[in-house]
Amino acid sequence: MSNSTFENPRFSVDKENPLIQSINILNVRVDILTRLQLKTLILHYIEAKRRGWFTYINVHTIDVANKLPWFKKFLDQSLISYCDGEGVRFGARLLGKHIPERITLSDYIYDIAEIAVEYDLKLFFLGGTSSVVERAAKKLREQYPTLQISGYHHGFFSELENNSVITNINACTPDILLLGMGVPMQEAWTKENFPKLSVNLIWMGGGFLDTVSGKKIICPRWLGAIGFEWAFRLIQEPLRLWKRYIIGNPLFLLRIIKARFLKR
């Protein structure tokens, strides 16, 4: 994908909004939010017709942000950039900062579904294989019969198919477009195609479609709360994730310790 500009004059987090407080973890902004505050902000941005994207921050995205300048800029321009990993919370504690809780879309998608039902919002899913995204939509509709999933499409389309995918999304007029393409593909796609999309909010979702569909088992909440979701995921996908966790996690910790030492 080309490095086309994605500047937008309407794009800046409202610093006057008292709900948004941010900290800096290894040069990456993390917004301090609870699940309830995130719900309030979803509704605020939709009602105000603010266009933009929500991103999540974990050890992996911080690593990518420090390697890819465009990705760091993309995170900086997010409407909301929330904590997705216990590793980031632990790093924040070592730096003397507090993040109240982690929010993962694999779990929070059910909050979004309830919000969508309550406030008559439409969702569109983009990502995963055809069978995965279809099963995810079906399971959510079974659990929330009045949920409006206005459309969905798999994430394995070509550049030649890209415009037709965008046309399909726009025709479905979703309030929230949820991407399940993984980092940094979903961010690169949004960066490239944002001007063409007629969507209020675009939500970077990572692997949430895999867990909602049942393709992968979601990490038990208690295990994630004590910081071992990485081990749970590594057992499921050792070949894909070993470098991210076996090498990436210790490097993150070393960088946090270095940042704490320099701070002192």
C-alpha atoms as a PDB file:
ATOM      1  CA  MET A   1       0.000   0.000   0.000  1.00  0.00           C
ATOM      2  CA  SER A   2       1.203   3.472  -0.740  1.00  0.00           C
ATOM      3  CA  ASN A   3       2.030   5.980   1.994  1.00  0.00           C
ATOM      4  CA  SER A   4      -0.726   8.407   1.064  1.00  0.00           C
ATOM      5  CA  THR A   5      -1.549  11.149   3.537  1.00  0.00           C
ATOM      6  CA  PHE A   6      -4.253  10.625   6.109  1.00  0.00           C
ATOM      7  CA  GLU A   7      -4.365  14.094   7.604  1.00  0.00           C
ATOM      8  CA  ASN A   8      -7.816  15.336   8.566  1.00  0.00           C
ATOM      9  CA  PRO A   9      -8.451  18.765  10.124  1.00  0.00           C
ATOM     10  CA  ARG A  10     -11.259  17.305  12.252  1.00  0.00           C
ATOM     11  CA  PHE A  11      -8.850  14.778  13.708  1.00  0.00           C
ATOM     12  CA  SER A  12      -7.634  15.553  17.211  1.00  0.00           C
ATOM     13  CA  VAL A  13      -8.594  14.187  20.580  1.00  0.00           C
ATOM     14  CA  ASP A  14     -10.622  16.775  22.433  1.00  0.00           C
ATOM     15  CA  LYS A  15      -8.246  17.724  25.228  1.00  0.00           C
ATOM     16  CA  GLU A  16     -11.055  19.664  26.914  1.00  0.00           C
ATOM     17  CA  ASN A  17     -12.988  16.455  27.430  1.00  0.00           C
ATOM     18  CA  PRO A  18     -12.473  15.579  31.137  1.00  0.00           C
ATOM     19  CA  LEU A  19     -13.013  11.894  30.397  1.00  0.00           C
ATOM     20  CA  ILE A  20      -9.793  11.683  28.427  1.00  0.00           C
ATOM     21  CA  GLN A  21      -6.559  11.540  30.392  1.00  0.00           C
ATOM     22  CA  SER A  22      -3.455  10.113  28.783  1.00  0.00           C
ATOM     23  CA  ILE A  23      -0.049   8.807  29.786  1.00  0.00           C
ATOM     24  CA  ASN A  24       3.050   8.053  27.741  1.00  0.00           C
ATOM     25  CA  ILE A  25       4.505   4.544  27.638  1.00  0.00           C
ATOM     26  CA  LEU A  26       7.737   4.307  25.622  1.00  0.00           C
ATOM     27  CA  ASN A  27       6.674   7.252  23.413  1.00  0.00           C
ATOM     28  CA  VAL A  28       3.189   5.854  22.804  1.00  0.00           C
ATOM     29  CA  ARG A  29       0.021   7.532  24.069  1.00  0.00           C
ATOM     30  CA  VAL A  30      -2.281   5.442  26.232  1.00  0.00           C
ATOM     31  CA  ASP A  31      -5.674   6.892  27.193  1.00  0.00           C
ATOM     32  CA  ILE A  32      -6.786   6.126  30.731  1.00  0.00           C
ATOM     33  CA  LEU A  33     -10.272   4.683  30.433  1.00  0.00           C
ATOM     34  CA  THR A  34     -12.684   2.339  32.144  1.00  0.00           C
ATOM     35  CA  ARG A  35     -15.181   0.267  30.196  1.00  0.00           C
ATOM     36  CA  LEU A  36     -17.982   2.630  31.215  1.00  0.00           C
ATOM     37  CA  GLN A  37     -16.018   5.692  30.083  1.00  0.00           C
ATOM     38  CA  LEU A  38     -15.337   4.008  26.756  1.00  0.00           C
ATOM     39  CA  LYS A  39     -19.077   3.455  26.275  1.00  0.00           C
ATOM     40  CA  THR A  40     -19.706   7.143  26.982  1.00  0.00           C
ATOM     41  CA  LEU A  41     -17.089   8.163  24.430  1.00  0.00           C
ATOM     42  CA  ILE A  42     -18.460   5.864  21.734  1.00  0.00           C
ATOM     43  CA  LEU A  43     -21.839   7.533  22.049  1.00  0.00           C
ATOM     44  CA  HIS A  44     -20.274  10.990  22.305  1.00  0.00           C
ATOM     45  CA  TYR A  45     -18.322  10.636  19.055  1.00  0.00           C
ATOM     46  CA  ILE A  46     -21.241   9.131  17.156  1.00  0.00           C
ATOM     47  CA  GLU A  47     -23.665  11.808  18.336  1.00  0.00           C
ATOM     48  CA  ALA A  48     -21.132  14.545  17.528  1.00  0.00           C
ATOM     49  CA  LYS A  49     -20.496  12.901  14.117  1.00  0.00           C
ATOM     50  CA  ARG A  50     -16.766  12.845  14.821  1.00  0.00           C
ATOM     51  CA  ARG A  51     -15.045  10.613  12.289  1.00  0.00           C
ATOM     52  CA  GLY A  52     -11.973   8.702  13.271  1.00  0.00           C
ATOM     53  CA  TRP A  53     -10.602   5.470  14.633  1.00  0.00           C
ATOM     54  CA  PHE A  54     -10.122   3.689  17.942  1.00  0.00           C
ATOM     55  CA  THR A  55      -6.867   1.812  18.528  1.00  0.00           C
ATOM     56  CA  TYR A  56      -5.581  -0.483  21.239  1.00  0.00           C
ATOM     57  CA  ILE A  57      -2.194  -0.499  22.945  1.00  0.00           C
ATOM     58  CA  ASN A  58      -0.324  -3.602  24.038  1.00  0.00           C
ATOM     59  CA  VAL A  59       3.327  -4.638  24.102  1.00  0.00           C
ATOM     60  CA  HIS A  60       3.236  -5.604  20.422  1.00  0.00           C
ATOM     61  CA  THR A  61       1.692  -2.355  19.173  1.00  0.00           C
ATOM     62  CA  ILE A  62       4.212  -0.342  21.201  1.00  0.00           C
ATOM     63  CA  ASP A  63       7.009  -2.327  19.569  1.00  0.00           C
ATOM     64  CA  VAL A  64       5.556  -1.740  16.084  1.00  0.00           C
ATOM     65  CA  ALA A  65       5.063   1.977  16.828  1.00  0.00           C
ATOM     66  CA  ASN A  66       8.733   2.350  17.716  1.00  0.00           C
ATOM     67  CA  LYS A  67       9.758   0.647  14.476  1.00  0.00           C
ATOM     68  CA  LEU A  68       7.306   2.206  12.001  1.00  0.00           C
ATOM     69  CA  PRO A  69       6.935   6.016  12.117  1.00  0.00           C
ATOM     70  CA  TRP A  70       3.682   5.968  10.122  1.00  0.00           C
ATOM     71  CA  PHE A  71       2.168   3.523  12.633  1.00  0.00           C
ATOM     72  CA  LYS A  72       3.189   5.746  15.561  1.00  0.00           C
ATOM     73  CA  LYS A  73       1.551   8.704  13.801  1.00  0.00           C
ATOM     74  CA  PHE A  74      -1.575   6.646  13.210  1.00  0.00           C
ATOM     75  CA  LEU A  75      -1.826   5.871  16.940  1.00  0.00           C
ATOM     76  CA  ASP A  76      -1.233   9.522  17.807  1.00  0.00           C
ATOM     77  CA  GLN A  77      -4.165  10.533  15.609  1.00  0.00           C
ATOM     78  CA  SER A  78      -6.588   8.044  17.143  1.00  0.00           C
ATOM     79  CA  LEU A  79      -9.721   9.382  18.741  1.00  0.00           C
ATOM     80  CA  ILE A  80      -9.149   6.840  21.499  1.00  0.00           C
ATOM     81  CA  SER A  81      -6.089   4.687  22.156  1.00  0.00           C
ATOM     82  CA  TYR A  82      -6.882   2.350  25.057  1.00  0.00           C
ATOM     83  CA  CYS A  83      -4.867  -0.238  26.999  1.00  0.00           C
ATOM     84  CA  ASP A  84      -5.322  -3.774  25.691  1.00  0.00           C
ATOM     85  CA  GLY A  85      -2.588  -5.625  27.583  1.00  0.00           C
ATOM     86  CA  GLU A  86      -1.554  -6.425  31.154  1.00  0.00           C
ATOM     87  CA  GLY A  87       2.054  -5.998  30.032  1.00  0.00           C
ATOM     88  CA  VAL A  88       1.351  -2.324  29.365  1.00  0.00           C
ATOM     89  CA  ARG A  89      -0.378  -1.966  32.751  1.00  0.00           C
ATOM     90  CA  PHE A  90       2.622  -3.579  34.440  1.00  0.00           C
ATOM     91  CA  GLY A  91       5.010  -1.314  32.558  1.00  0.00           C
ATOM     92  CA  ALA A  92       2.944   1.698  33.591  1.00  0.00           C
ATOM     93  CA  ARG A  93       3.176   0.663  37.244  1.00  0.00           C
ATOM     94  CA  LEU A  94       6.961   0.417  36.994  1.00  0.00           C
ATOM     95  CA  LEU A  95       6.951   3.975  35.651  1.00  0.00           C
ATOM     96  CA  GLY A  96       4.769   5.167  38.523  1.00  0.00           C
ATOM     97  CA  LYS A  97       1.591   5.444  36.448  1.00  0.00           C
ATOM     98  CA  HIS A  98      -1.799   3.814  36.830  1.00  0.00           C
ATOM     99  CA  ILE A  99      -4.080   2.266  34.219  1.00  0.00           C
ATOM    100  CA  PRO A 100      -7.352   1.160  35.867  1.00  0.00           C
ATOM    101  CA  GLU A 101      -8.077  -1.809  33.605  1.00  0.00           C
ATOM    102  CA  ARG A 102      -7.312  -3.443  30.297  1.00  0.00           C
ATOM    103  CA  ILE A 103      -9.964  -3.617  27.601  1.00  0.00           C
ATOM    104  CA  THR A 104      -9.788  -6.301  24.917  1.00  0.00           C
ATOM    105  CA  LEU A 105     -12.194  -6.295  21.988  1.00  0.00           C
ATOM    106  CA  SER A 106     -12.594 -10.075  22.190  1.00  0.00           C
ATOM    107  CA  ASP A 107     -14.384  -9.370  25.462  1.00  0.00           C
ATOM    108  CA  TYR A 108     -15.647  -5.812  24.912  1.00  0.00           C
ATOM    109  CA  ILE A 109     -17.401  -6.722  21.645  1.00  0.00           C
ATOM    110  CA  TYR A 110     -20.322  -7.892  23.777  1.00  0.00           C
ATOM    111  CA  ASP A 111     -20.491  -4.474  25.420  1.00  0.00           C
ATOM    112  CA  ILE A 112     -20.486  -2.935  21.942  1.00  0.00           C
ATOM    113  CA  ALA A 113     -23.311  -5.259  20.879  1.00  0.00           C
ATOM    114  CA  GLU A 114     -25.377  -4.201  23.908  1.00  0.00           C
ATOM    115  CA  ILE A 115     -24.663  -0.525  23.184  1.00  0.00           C
ATOM    116  CA  ALA A 116     -25.646  -1.022  19.533  1.00  0.00           C
ATOM    117  CA  VAL A 117     -28.925  -2.683  20.519  1.00  0.00           C
ATOM    118  CA  GLU A 118     -29.744  -0.033  23.121  1.00  0.00           C
ATOM    119  CA  TYR A 119     -28.950   2.949  20.878  1.00  0.00           C
ATOM    120  CA  ASP A 120     -29.952   1.494  17.495  1.00  0.00           C
ATOM    121  CA  LEU A 121     -26.449   1.489  16.022  1.00  0.00           C
ATOM    122  CA  LYS A 122     -25.307  -0.520  13.006  1.00  0.00           C
ATOM    123  CA  LEU A 123     -22.096  -2.563  12.891  1.00  0.00           C
ATOM    124  CA  PHE A 124     -19.995  -3.876  10.003  1.00  0.00           C
ATOM    125  CA  PHE A 125     -17.271  -6.532  10.393  1.00  0.00           C
ATOM    126  CA  LEU A 126     -14.252  -6.662   8.088  1.00  0.00           C
ATOM    127  CA  GLY A 127     -11.599  -9.319   8.531  1.00  0.00           C
ATOM    128  CA  GLY A 128     -10.894 -12.982   9.057  1.00  0.00           C
ATOM    129  CA  THR A 129     -11.768 -15.717   6.593  1.00  0.00           C
ATOM    130  CA  SER A 130     -15.211 -15.929   5.017  1.00  0.00           C
ATOM    131  CA  SER A 131     -16.301 -18.687   7.386  1.00  0.00           C
ATOM    132  CA  VAL A 132     -14.898 -16.951  10.480  1.00  0.00           C
ATOM    133  CA  VAL A 133     -16.549 -13.560   9.910  1.00  0.00           C
ATOM    134  CA  GLU A 134     -19.829 -15.242   8.961  1.00  0.00           C
ATOM    135  CA  ARG A 135     -19.829 -17.394  12.118  1.00  0.00           C
ATOM    136  CA  ALA A 136     -18.934 -14.393  14.286  1.00  0.00           C
ATOM    137  CA  ALA A 137     -21.867 -12.394  12.893  1.00  0.00           C
ATOM    138  CA  LYS A 138     -24.215 -15.366  13.280  1.00  0.00           C
ATOM    139  CA  LYS A 139     -23.247 -15.991  16.908  1.00  0.00           C
ATOM    140  CA  LEU A 140     -23.693 -12.356  17.871  1.00  0.00           C
ATOM    141  CA  ARG A 141     -27.085 -12.235  16.159  1.00  0.00           C
ATOM    142  CA  GLU A 142     -28.148 -15.353  18.036  1.00  0.00           C
ATOM    143  CA  GLN A 143     -27.118 -13.776  21.337  1.00  0.00           C
ATOM    144  CA  TYR A 144     -28.566 -10.348  20.462  1.00  0.00           C
ATOM    145  CA  PRO A 145     -31.544 -10.940  18.107  1.00  0.00           C
ATOM    146  CA  THR A 146     -32.162  -7.225  17.503  1.00  0.00           C
ATOM    147  CA  LEU A 147     -28.493  -6.418  16.839  1.00  0.00           C
ATOM    148  CA  GLN A 148     -28.033  -4.660  13.490  1.00  0.00           C
ATOM    149  CA  ILE A 149     -25.011  -6.148  11.746  1.00  0.00           C
ATOM    150  CA  SER A 150     -25.524  -4.325   8.486  1.00  0.00           C
ATOM    151  CA  GLY A 151     -22.813  -6.295   6.717  1.00  0.00           C
ATOM    152  CA  TYR A 152     -19.566  -8.222   6.906  1.00  0.00           C
ATOM    153  CA  HIS A 153     -16.737  -9.197   4.582  1.00  0.00           C
ATOM    154  CA  HIS A 154     -13.641 -11.361   4.886  1.00  0.00           C
ATOM    155  CA  GLY A 155     -10.234  -9.718   5.091  1.00  0.00           C
ATOM    156  CA  PHE A 156      -8.475 -11.611   2.302  1.00  0.00           C
ATOM    157  CA  PHE A 157      -9.386  -9.411  -0.648  1.00  0.00           C
ATOM    158  CA  SER A 158      -7.034  -8.113  -3.333  1.00  0.00           C
ATOM    159  CA  GLU A 159      -6.161  -4.540  -4.255  1.00  0.00           C
ATOM    160  CA  LEU A 160      -8.434  -4.916  -7.285  1.00  0.00           C
ATOM    161  CA  GLU A 161     -11.346  -5.837  -5.002  1.00  0.00           C
ATOM    162  CA  ASN A 162     -10.666  -3.052  -2.508  1.00  0.00           C
ATOM    163  CA  ASN A 163     -12.955  -0.427  -4.044  1.00  0.00           C
ATOM    164  CA  SER A 164     -15.888  -2.831  -4.242  1.00  0.00           C
ATOM    165  CA  VAL A 165     -15.387  -3.713  -0.570  1.00  0.00           C
ATOM    166  CA  ILE A 166     -15.463  -0.012   0.332  1.00  0.00           C
ATOM    167  CA  THR A 167     -18.570   0.505  -1.800  1.00  0.00           C
ATOM    168  CA  ASN A 168     -20.241  -2.366   0.045  1.00  0.00           C
ATOM    169  CA  ILE A 169     -19.326  -0.916   3.445  1.00  0.00           C
ATOM    170  CA  ASN A 170     -20.610   2.543   2.540  1.00  0.00           C
ATOM    171  CA  ALA A 171     -23.843   1.132   1.152  1.00  0.00           C
ATOM    172  CA  CYS A 172     -24.486  -0.591   4.486  1.00  0.00           C
ATOM    173  CA  THR A 173     -24.103   2.761   6.337  1.00  0.00           C
ATOM    174  CA  PRO A 174     -22.622   1.345   9.562  1.00  0.00           C
ATOM    175  CA  ASP A 175     -22.060   3.528  12.611  1.00  0.00           C
ATOM    176  CA  ILE A 176     -19.035   1.441  13.604  1.00  0.00           C
ATOM    177  CA  LEU A 177     -16.738  -0.504  11.281  1.00  0.00           C
ATOM    178  CA  LEU A 178     -14.834  -3.164  13.224  1.00  0.00           C
ATOM    179  CA  LEU A 179     -11.644  -4.486  11.629  1.00  0.00           C
ATOM    180  CA  GLY A 180     -10.185  -7.893  12.364  1.00  0.00           C
ATOM    181  CA  MET A 181      -7.091  -7.900  10.182  1.00  0.00           C
ATOM    182  CA  GLY A 182      -4.293  -7.792  12.742  1.00  0.00           C
ATOM    183  CA  VAL A 183      -1.451  -5.319  13.315  1.00  0.00           C
ATOM    184  CA  PRO A 184      -0.312  -3.450  11.269  1.00  0.00           C
ATOM    185  CA  MET A 185      -2.465  -4.506   8.291  1.00  0.00           C
ATOM    186  CA  GLN A 186      -5.718  -3.099   9.689  1.00  0.00           C
ATOM    187  CA  GLU A 187      -4.050   0.232  10.460  1.00  0.00           C
ATOM    188  CA  ALA A 188      -2.427   0.402   7.018  1.00  0.00           C
ATOM    189  CA  TRP A 189      -5.764  -0.319   5.355  1.00  0.00           C
ATOM    190  CA  THR A 190      -7.498   2.394   7.395  1.00  0.00           C
ATOM    191  CA  LYS A 191      -4.720   4.889   6.701  1.00  0.00           C
ATOM    192  CA  GLU A 192      -5.024   4.249   2.983  1.00  0.00           C
ATOM    193  CA  ASN A 193      -8.808   4.153   2.684  1.00  0.00           C
ATOM    194  CA  PHE A 194     -10.160   6.452   5.378  1.00  0.00           C
ATOM    195  CA  PRO A 195     -11.052   9.313   2.976  1.00  0.00           C
ATOM    196  CA  LYS A 196     -13.199   6.913   0.911  1.00  0.00           C
ATOM    197  CA  LEU A 197     -15.187   5.533   3.836  1.00  0.00           C
ATOM    198  CA  SER A 198     -18.524   6.983   4.968  1.00  0.00           C
ATOM    199  CA  VAL A 199     -18.254   5.631   8.496  1.00  0.00           C
ATOM    200  CA  ASN A 200     -18.306   7.382  11.860  1.00  0.00           C
ATOM    201  CA  LEU A 201     -15.942   5.145  13.798  1.00  0.00           C
ATOM    202  CA  ILE A 202     -13.424   2.547  12.666  1.00  0.00           C
ATOM    203  CA  TRP A 203     -12.311   0.187  15.413  1.00  0.00           C
ATOM    204  CA  MET A 204      -9.024  -1.713  15.204  1.00  0.00           C
ATOM    205  CA  GLY A 205     -10.001  -5.165  16.437  1.00  0.00           C
ATOM    206  CA  GLY A 206      -7.085  -7.555  15.920  1.00  0.00           C
ATOM    207  CA  GLY A 207      -8.177 -11.173  16.371  1.00  0.00           C
ATOM    208  CA  PHE A 208     -11.602 -10.575  17.913  1.00  0.00           C
ATOM    209  CA  LEU A 209     -13.429 -12.348  15.060  1.00  0.00           C
ATOM    210  CA  ASP A 210     -11.484 -15.550  15.722  1.00  0.00           C
ATOM    211  CA  THR A 211     -12.622 -15.660  19.345  1.00  0.00           C
ATOM    212  CA  VAL A 212     -16.216 -14.545  18.734  1.00  0.00           C
ATOM    213  CA  SER A 213     -16.589 -17.174  15.999  1.00  0.00           C
ATOM    214  CA  GLY A 214     -15.152 -19.880  18.234  1.00  0.00           C
ATOM    215  CA  LYS A 215     -12.133 -20.537  16.024  1.00  0.00           C
ATOM    216  CA  LYS A 216      -9.891 -19.670  18.951  1.00  0.00           C
ATOM    217  CA  ILE A 217     -10.521 -19.954  22.663  1.00  0.00           C
ATOM    218  CA  ILE A 218     -10.607 -16.633  24.494  1.00  0.00           C
ATOM    219  CA  CYS A 219      -8.222 -16.397  27.405  1.00  0.00           C
ATOM    220  CA  PRO A 220      -9.978 -16.789  30.779  1.00  0.00           C
ATOM    221  CA  ARG A 221     -10.397 -13.367  32.359  1.00  0.00           C
ATOM    222  CA  TRP A 222      -8.635 -14.404  35.585  1.00  0.00           C
ATOM    223  CA  LEU A 223      -5.578 -15.587  33.649  1.00  0.00           C
ATOM    224  CA  GLY A 224      -5.428 -12.353  31.669  1.00  0.00           C
ATOM    225  CA  ALA A 225      -5.802 -10.333  34.876  1.00  0.00           C
ATOM    226  CA  ILE A 226      -2.590 -11.806  36.302  1.00  0.00           C
ATOM    227  CA  GLY A 227      -0.660 -11.119  33.108  1.00  0.00           C
ATOM    228  CA  PHE A 228      -0.507 -14.548  31.474  1.00  0.00           C
ATOM    229  CA  GLU A 229      -2.693 -14.123  28.414  1.00  0.00           C
ATOM    230  CA  TRP A 230       0.520 -14.151  26.350  1.00  0.00           C
ATOM    231  CA  ALA A 231       1.264 -17.710  27.557  1.00  0.00           C
ATOM    232  CA  PHE A 232      -2.289 -18.829  26.798  1.00  0.00           C
ATOM    233  CA  ARG A 233      -2.076 -17.424  23.269  1.00  0.00           C
ATOM    234  CA  LEU A 234       1.441 -18.782  22.740  1.00  0.00           C
ATOM    235  CA  ILE A 235       0.235 -22.308  23.478  1.00  0.00           C
ATOM    236  CA  GLN A 236      -2.471 -21.918  20.807  1.00  0.00           C
ATOM    237  CA  GLU A 237      -0.192 -20.400  18.136  1.00  0.00           C
ATOM    238  CA  PRO A 238       3.466 -21.134  18.972  1.00  0.00           C
ATOM    239  CA  LEU A 239       4.843 -20.796  15.435  1.00  0.00           C
ATOM    240  CA  ARG A 240       3.245 -17.405  14.797  1.00  0.00           C
ATOM    241  CA  LEU A 241       3.677 -15.844  18.228  1.00  0.00           C
ATOM    242  CA  TRP A 242       6.908 -17.193  19.722  1.00  0.00           C
ATOM    243  CA  LYS A 243       9.032 -14.254  18.578  1.00  0.00           C
ATOM    244  CA  ARG A 244       6.473 -11.679  19.745  1.00  0.00           C
ATOM    245  CA  TYR A 245       6.310 -13.100  23.271  1.00  0.00           C
ATOM    246  CA  ILE A 246       9.581 -14.924  23.927  1.00  0.00           C
ATOM    247  CA  ILE A 247      11.690 -12.086  22.534  1.00  0.00           C
ATOM    248  CA  GLY A 248       9.329  -9.102  22.522  1.00  0.00           C
ATOM    249  CA  ASN A 249       8.119  -9.271  26.120  1.00  0.00           C
ATOM    250  CA  PRO A 250      11.602  -9.323  27.733  1.00  0.00           C
ATOM    251  CA  LEU A 251      12.751  -6.501  25.425  1.00  0.00           C
ATOM    252  CA  PHE A 252       9.727  -4.434  26.458  1.00  0.00           C
ATOM    253  CA  LEU A 253      10.532  -4.999  30.118  1.00  0.00           C
ATOM    254  CA  LEU A 254      14.152  -3.977  29.601  1.00  0.00           C
ATOM    255  CA  ARG A 255      13.068  -0.794  27.849  1.00  0.00           C
ATOM    256  CA  ILE A 256      10.661   0.016  30.686  1.00  0.00           C
ATOM    257  CA  ILE A 257      13.433  -0.496  33.251  1.00  0.00           C
ATOM    258  CA  LYS A 258      15.724   1.732  31.206  1.00  0.00           C
ATOM    259  CA  ALA A 259      13.006   4.407  30.980  1.00  0.00           C
ATOM    260  CA  ARG A 260      12.503   4.239  34.748  1.00  0.00           C
ATOM    261  CA  PHE A 261      16.236   4.567  35.364  1.00  0.00           C
ATOM    262  CA  LEU A 262      16.492   7.569  33.013  1.00  0.00           C
ATOM    263  CA  LYS A 263      13.461   9.135  34.698  1.00  0.00           C
ATOM    264  CA  ARG A 264      15.221   8.946  38.038  1.00  0.00           C
END
